[in-house]
Protein backbone atom coordinates (compact mmCIF):
# COMPACT_ATOMS: atom_id res chain seq x y z
CA MET A 1 -0.01 0.01 -0.05
CA ASN A 2 1.50 3.28 -0.96
CA PHE A 3 1.80 6.38 1.28
CA SER A 4 0.78 8.89 -1.24
CA THR A 5 -2.40 7.14 -2.02
CA ARG A 6 -3.44 7.76 1.90
CA LEU A 7 -1.71 11.05 2.75
CA ALA A 8 -5.24 13.10 2.75
CA GLU A 9 -4.46 15.47 5.77
CA LYS A 10 -1.81 18.11 5.51
CA LEU A 11 1.52 17.77 6.82
CA PRO A 12 4.33 20.50 8.05
CA GLY A 13 6.40 20.90 7.12
CA ILE A 14 10.98 28.36 9.96
CA LEU A 15 11.24 31.19 8.59
CA PRO A 16 11.37 33.04 12.02
CA VAL A 17 9.15 36.12 12.11
CA PRO A 18 10.00 38.95 15.30
CA SER A 19 6.29 39.08 16.33
CA SER A 20 4.44 36.58 18.35
CA PRO A 21 0.81 36.47 17.97
CA LEU A 22 0.85 35.54 22.37
CA LEU A 23 2.24 39.41 22.68
CA ARG A 24 -0.98 40.82 21.38
CA LYS A 25 -2.74 43.14 24.01
CA GLY A 26 -5.68 41.00 25.80
CA ALA A 27 -5.34 38.09 23.42
CA PHE A 28 -4.56 36.26 26.70
CA PRO A 29 -6.08 37.95 29.52
CA GLU A 30 -6.08 34.56 31.95
CA LEU A 31 -2.10 33.63 31.60
CA ARG A 32 0.33 34.72 33.61
CA PHE A 33 3.53 36.34 31.97
CA PHE A 34 7.24 35.56 33.66
CA ALA A 35 10.59 36.77 32.09
CA THR A 36 13.22 33.81 31.54
CA ALA A 37 16.25 35.38 30.70
CA ASN A 38 17.96 38.75 31.82
CA HIS A 39 16.18 38.67 35.54
CA SER A 40 17.99 41.86 36.37
CA ARG A 41 16.61 44.11 33.92
CA ARG A 42 13.76 46.28 35.13
CA LEU A 43 10.29 46.24 33.25
CA ARG A 44 9.40 50.20 32.53
CA LEU A 45 6.22 50.54 34.58
CA GLY A 46 4.29 53.66 34.19
CA SER A 47 1.58 52.12 36.95
CA GLN A 48 -0.10 48.79 37.35
CA LYS A 49 -2.37 49.18 35.13
CA ASN A 50 -0.01 50.48 32.08
CA MET A 51 2.54 47.92 31.14
CA VAL A 52 4.72 48.59 28.25
CA TRP A 53 7.25 45.72 27.32
CA SER A 54 10.22 46.69 25.26
CA LEU A 55 9.86 44.18 22.09
CA GLN A 56 13.93 42.83 23.23
CA ARG A 57 12.15 42.21 26.43
CA ALA A 58 8.98 40.79 24.95
CA ALA A 59 10.84 38.18 23.17
CA GLU A 60 12.02 36.73 26.29
CA LEU A 61 8.60 36.11 27.77
CA SER A 62 7.13 32.67 28.13
CA VAL A 63 3.58 31.76 28.45
CA VAL A 64 2.28 29.59 31.26
CA THR A 65 -1.30 28.48 31.54
CA ASN A 66 -2.50 25.37 33.90
CA SER A 67 -1.19 22.67 31.73
CA CYS A 68 0.98 23.84 29.52
CA VAL A 69 4.03 26.10 29.07
CA VAL A 70 4.89 28.01 25.68
CA HIS A 71 8.22 29.45 25.28
CA PRO A 72 9.95 31.06 22.23
CA ALA A 73 11.30 28.80 19.94
CA THR A 74 14.92 29.93 20.48
CA GLU A 75 18.09 28.20 20.97
CA SER A 76 17.77 28.27 24.49
CA TYR A 77 14.98 26.13 24.56
CA ALA A 78 15.92 23.54 22.12
CA GLN A 79 17.61 21.17 24.51
CA GLU A 80 14.12 21.69 26.87
CA ALA A 81 12.58 20.43 24.10
CA VAL A 82 15.41 17.37 23.28
CA GLU A 83 14.37 16.07 26.90
CA ALA A 84 10.55 16.28 26.39
CA ILE A 85 11.07 14.30 23.25
CA LYS A 86 13.32 11.34 24.97
CA SER A 87 10.55 11.50 27.88
CA GLU A 88 8.01 10.37 24.86
CA LYS A 89 5.93 13.42 25.27
CA VAL A 90 4.20 15.02 22.35
CA ILE A 91 5.50 19.13 21.64
CA ALA A 92 4.29 21.61 19.72
CA VAL A 93 6.52 23.43 17.37
CA PRO A 94 7.15 25.94 14.14
CA THR A 95 8.38 24.71 11.08
CA ASP A 96 9.17 26.74 7.48
CA THR A 97 5.30 26.52 6.43
CA LEU A 98 2.95 25.47 9.36
CA TYR A 99 3.22 24.54 13.32
CA GLY A 100 3.12 20.93 13.65
CA PHE A 101 2.71 18.17 16.49
CA ALA A 102 6.12 16.01 17.08
CA CYS A 103 7.01 13.68 19.26
CA ASP A 104 9.36 10.32 18.75
CA ALA A 105 8.79 8.37 15.90
CA CYS A 106 10.22 5.17 17.32
CA SER A 107 7.88 5.56 20.34
CA LEU A 108 4.44 3.54 20.20
CA GLU A 109 3.02 5.55 22.92
CA ALA A 110 3.90 9.25 21.65
CA VAL A 111 2.25 8.34 18.29
CA ASN A 112 -0.38 7.20 19.45
CA ARG A 113 -0.54 10.60 21.57
CA ILE A 114 -0.65 12.19 18.70
CA TYR A 115 -3.42 10.55 17.17
CA GLU A 116 -5.56 11.08 20.02
CA ILE A 117 -5.02 14.69 20.37
CA LYS A 118 -5.93 15.20 16.52
CA GLY A 119 -9.09 13.05 17.02
CA ARG A 120 -6.51 11.21 13.70
CA LYS A 121 -7.79 8.13 12.07
CA LEU A 122 -4.70 5.41 12.50
CA THR A 123 -5.43 4.62 8.90
CA SER A 124 -3.97 7.98 8.08
CA PRO A 125 0.09 7.79 8.14
CA LEU A 126 2.30 10.30 9.87
CA ALA A 127 5.11 11.90 8.12
CA ILE A 128 8.22 12.15 9.86
CA CYS A 129 11.08 14.86 10.11
CA VAL A 130 14.95 14.54 10.01
CA GLY A 131 17.66 16.71 11.55
CA ASP A 132 19.73 17.11 8.49
CA VAL A 133 19.84 15.87 4.62
CA SER A 134 21.89 12.92 5.52
CA ASP A 135 20.20 11.36 7.85
CA ILE A 136 17.42 10.49 5.38
CA LYS A 137 19.05 7.25 4.52
CA ARG A 138 19.11 5.75 8.14
CA VAL A 139 14.89 5.79 7.43
CA ALA A 140 14.60 5.81 3.53
CA THR A 141 16.00 4.29 0.33
CA THR A 142 17.78 6.85 -1.71
CA ASN A 143 20.47 5.31 -3.85
CA HIS A 144 17.81 5.50 -6.81
CA LEU A 145 18.04 8.88 -6.64
CA PRO A 146 20.08 11.35 -9.03
CA HIS A 147 23.34 12.65 -6.90
CA GLY A 148 22.26 16.06 -5.44
CA LEU A 149 18.80 16.36 -5.62
CA LEU A 150 18.06 15.95 -2.34
CA GLU A 151 20.67 18.11 -1.27
CA SER A 152 18.93 20.94 -3.82
CA LEU A 153 15.51 20.37 -2.49
CA LEU A 154 16.22 20.06 1.21
CA PRO A 155 16.14 21.93 3.60
CA GLY A 156 13.22 23.68 2.54
CA PRO A 157 9.34 23.30 2.41
CA VAL A 158 9.01 19.68 0.77
CA THR A 159 7.91 16.53 1.84
CA LEU A 160 9.33 13.68 -0.10
CA VAL A 161 7.59 10.37 -0.24
CA LEU A 162 10.29 7.32 -0.27
CA GLN A 163 10.54 3.64 0.30
CA ARG A 164 11.47 2.42 3.84
CA GLY A 165 13.75 0.17 2.63
CA GLU A 166 15.04 -3.03 5.40
CA SER A 167 17.57 -1.17 6.63
CA SER A 168 15.38 1.58 7.77
CA ILE A 169 15.12 2.38 11.67
CA LEU A 170 11.85 3.15 11.89
CA GLU A 171 9.78 0.70 13.46
CA LYS A 172 6.82 -1.12 11.87
CA SER A 173 4.00 0.18 14.39
CA LEU A 174 4.42 3.30 12.40
CA ASN A 175 2.05 3.79 10.03
CA PRO A 176 1.68 -0.18 9.51
CA GLY A 177 1.37 -1.90 6.18
CA ILE A 178 2.25 1.53 4.21
CA ASP A 179 5.81 0.89 2.67
CA THR A 180 6.67 4.14 1.97
CA ILE A 181 7.03 7.65 4.46
CA GLY A 182 7.08 10.95 3.81
CA VAL A 183 10.21 12.31 5.31
CA ARG A 184 10.63 16.21 6.04
CA VAL A 185 14.10 18.64 6.66
CA PRO A 186 12.39 21.88 7.02
CA ASP A 187 14.32 24.71 6.79
CA SER A 188 13.60 25.77 10.36
CA GLU A 189 16.83 25.84 12.30
CA PHE A 190 14.94 24.87 15.99
CA ILE A 191 12.90 21.76 15.11
CA ARG A 192 15.75 20.47 12.99
CA GLU A 193 18.23 21.13 16.27
CA VAL A 194 15.53 18.92 18.37
CA SER A 195 15.74 16.27 15.86
CA ARG A 196 19.25 15.97 15.83
CA GLY A 197 19.34 16.41 19.88
CA SER A 198 16.67 13.69 20.49
CA GLY A 199 19.06 10.61 18.83
CA SER A 200 16.05 9.61 17.06
CA VAL A 201 14.02 10.95 14.27
CA LEU A 202 9.98 12.54 15.04
CA ALA A 203 7.16 11.71 14.27
CA LEU A 204 5.51 15.12 12.13
CA THR A 205 2.11 16.33 11.59
CA SER A 206 -0.12 19.49 11.19
CA ALA A 207 -0.96 20.93 14.74
CA ASN A 208 -4.97 21.07 14.39
CA LEU A 209 -7.60 18.69 14.90
CA SER A 210 -7.84 16.88 11.61
CA GLY A 211 -10.24 18.50 9.05
CA ASP A 212 -9.63 21.54 10.25
CA ARG A 213 -7.72 24.78 9.31
CA SER A 214 -3.92 24.48 9.53
CA SER A 215 -1.91 26.21 12.50
CA VAL A 216 0.25 29.27 11.10
CA CYS A 217 0.49 30.82 14.39
CA VAL A 218 -0.35 29.45 18.05
CA ASN A 219 -3.21 30.98 19.13
CA ASP A 220 -4.77 29.00 15.85
CA PHE A 221 -4.30 25.44 18.15
CA GLU A 222 -4.63 27.09 21.56
CA LYS A 223 -7.34 24.72 22.43
CA LEU A 224 -4.78 21.53 21.53
CA TRP A 225 -2.27 23.50 24.24
CA GLN A 226 -3.13 21.34 27.46
CA HIS A 227 -2.41 18.32 25.18
CA CYS A 228 1.31 19.26 24.60
CA ALA A 229 4.49 18.82 27.13
CA TYR A 230 5.37 22.39 25.77
CA VAL A 231 4.55 24.92 22.94
CA TYR A 232 7.35 26.75 20.96
CA ASP A 233 6.20 29.98 19.41
CA GLY A 234 8.19 31.17 16.21
CA GLY A 235 5.28 33.56 15.62
CA LEU A 236 3.18 33.85 12.19
CA LEU A 237 4.77 31.81 9.76
CA PRO A 238 4.36 33.37 6.27
CA SER A 239 4.31 31.00 3.75
CA GLY A 240 0.19 30.55 4.19
CA ARG A 241 -1.44 27.38 4.98
CA ALA A 242 -0.68 25.32 2.33
CA GLY A 243 1.52 23.70 4.00
CA SER A 244 4.78 21.63 2.25
CA THR A 245 4.77 19.94 -1.35
CA ILE A 246 4.32 16.62 -1.26
CA VAL A 247 6.31 14.58 -3.70
CA ASP A 248 6.86 11.26 -4.35
CA LEU A 249 10.39 10.15 -5.23
CA SER A 250 9.61 6.08 -4.37
CA LYS A 251 9.85 5.12 -8.50
CA VAL A 252 13.42 5.77 -10.29
CA GLY A 253 13.51 8.22 -12.45
CA LYS A 254 9.72 9.39 -11.90
CA TYR A 255 8.25 11.93 -9.62
CA LYS A 256 4.80 12.32 -9.11
CA ILE A 257 3.37 15.93 -7.08
CA ILE A 258 0.57 14.36 -4.25
CA ARG A 259 -0.24 17.72 -2.89
CA PRO A 260 1.01 20.71 -4.50
CA GLY A 261 1.66 23.05 -1.43
CA SER A 262 3.53 25.96 -1.09
CA ALA A 263 6.68 24.99 -3.34
CA LYS A 264 5.51 23.28 -6.04
CA GLU A 265 6.90 25.56 -9.11
CA ALA A 266 10.27 25.92 -7.41
CA THR A 267 10.41 21.52 -6.24
CA VAL A 268 9.38 20.56 -9.92
CA ALA A 269 11.44 22.65 -11.74
CA ILE A 270 14.33 21.36 -9.63
CA LEU A 271 13.14 17.73 -10.49
CA GLU A 272 13.29 18.07 -14.23
CA LYS A 273 16.63 19.81 -13.25
CA TYR A 274 17.65 16.49 -12.52
CA LEU A 275 15.78 14.85 -15.44
CA LEU A 276 13.20 13.43 -13.59
CA GLU A 277 9.85 12.40 -15.48
CA GLU A 278 6.51 13.16 -14.16
CA GLU A 279 4.39 10.10 -13.33
CA GLU A 280 1.34 9.86 -15.26
CA GLU A 281 -1.87 9.15 -13.23
CA ASP A 282 -3.58 5.87 -13.70
CA CYS A 283 -6.53 5.78 -15.13
């Protein structure tokens, strides 16, 4: 059974921006803000009712709710995210396209938790994320691809559908009965650092309820925060809600666009540069 025929839901696939929807005035009146760095700096207070934060200071804030902590998606919080992944927890992270839920792809418990959070059918496969292009061969077969193709496509807003191969480190319990896997290397340093540090690979899917619109800011999936160990805020993502471009490269010399996503034109140009031909649709 082929991954591409069953990948109906959007996958996330960070171009970080300085703005954060969490910091908009009045967005979360019930939340308690606290500073996580440079505690010695003083806040400029006009009055208790009028509090003004500098942009630099605001970037250092975390948000605490009753059941979740929201941190900025910065290097200083990467190790915390790694520990959560190693503890078989689910986290929410920005990518170069959408916000996604991530966990250890080799933990059945964590993977099942993602399905529960999203209300996703167990028959709908999950994609995975690795830290570097060189890691792809640990999870999928790549020796049939032209030399340099992977490096031309990735890191970037593309999900590559490849054969798992006999040497894949992925558990058989991940997407059972499906012999291909969608692989991402997002152009987003935070999630890549977390993937590297985990020593494993990440299962990755869009941070939303199945069937709902995809998330481009953390506010979009606020109702699901409570199910995550941490939520990492990368601001408003600029690529829109189209998600990554999904392309099937599991056949020698062929490609098939499964979802146009946000980078179809550029992706097809690279594929054709390497002399791959578009696979004809089945009649």
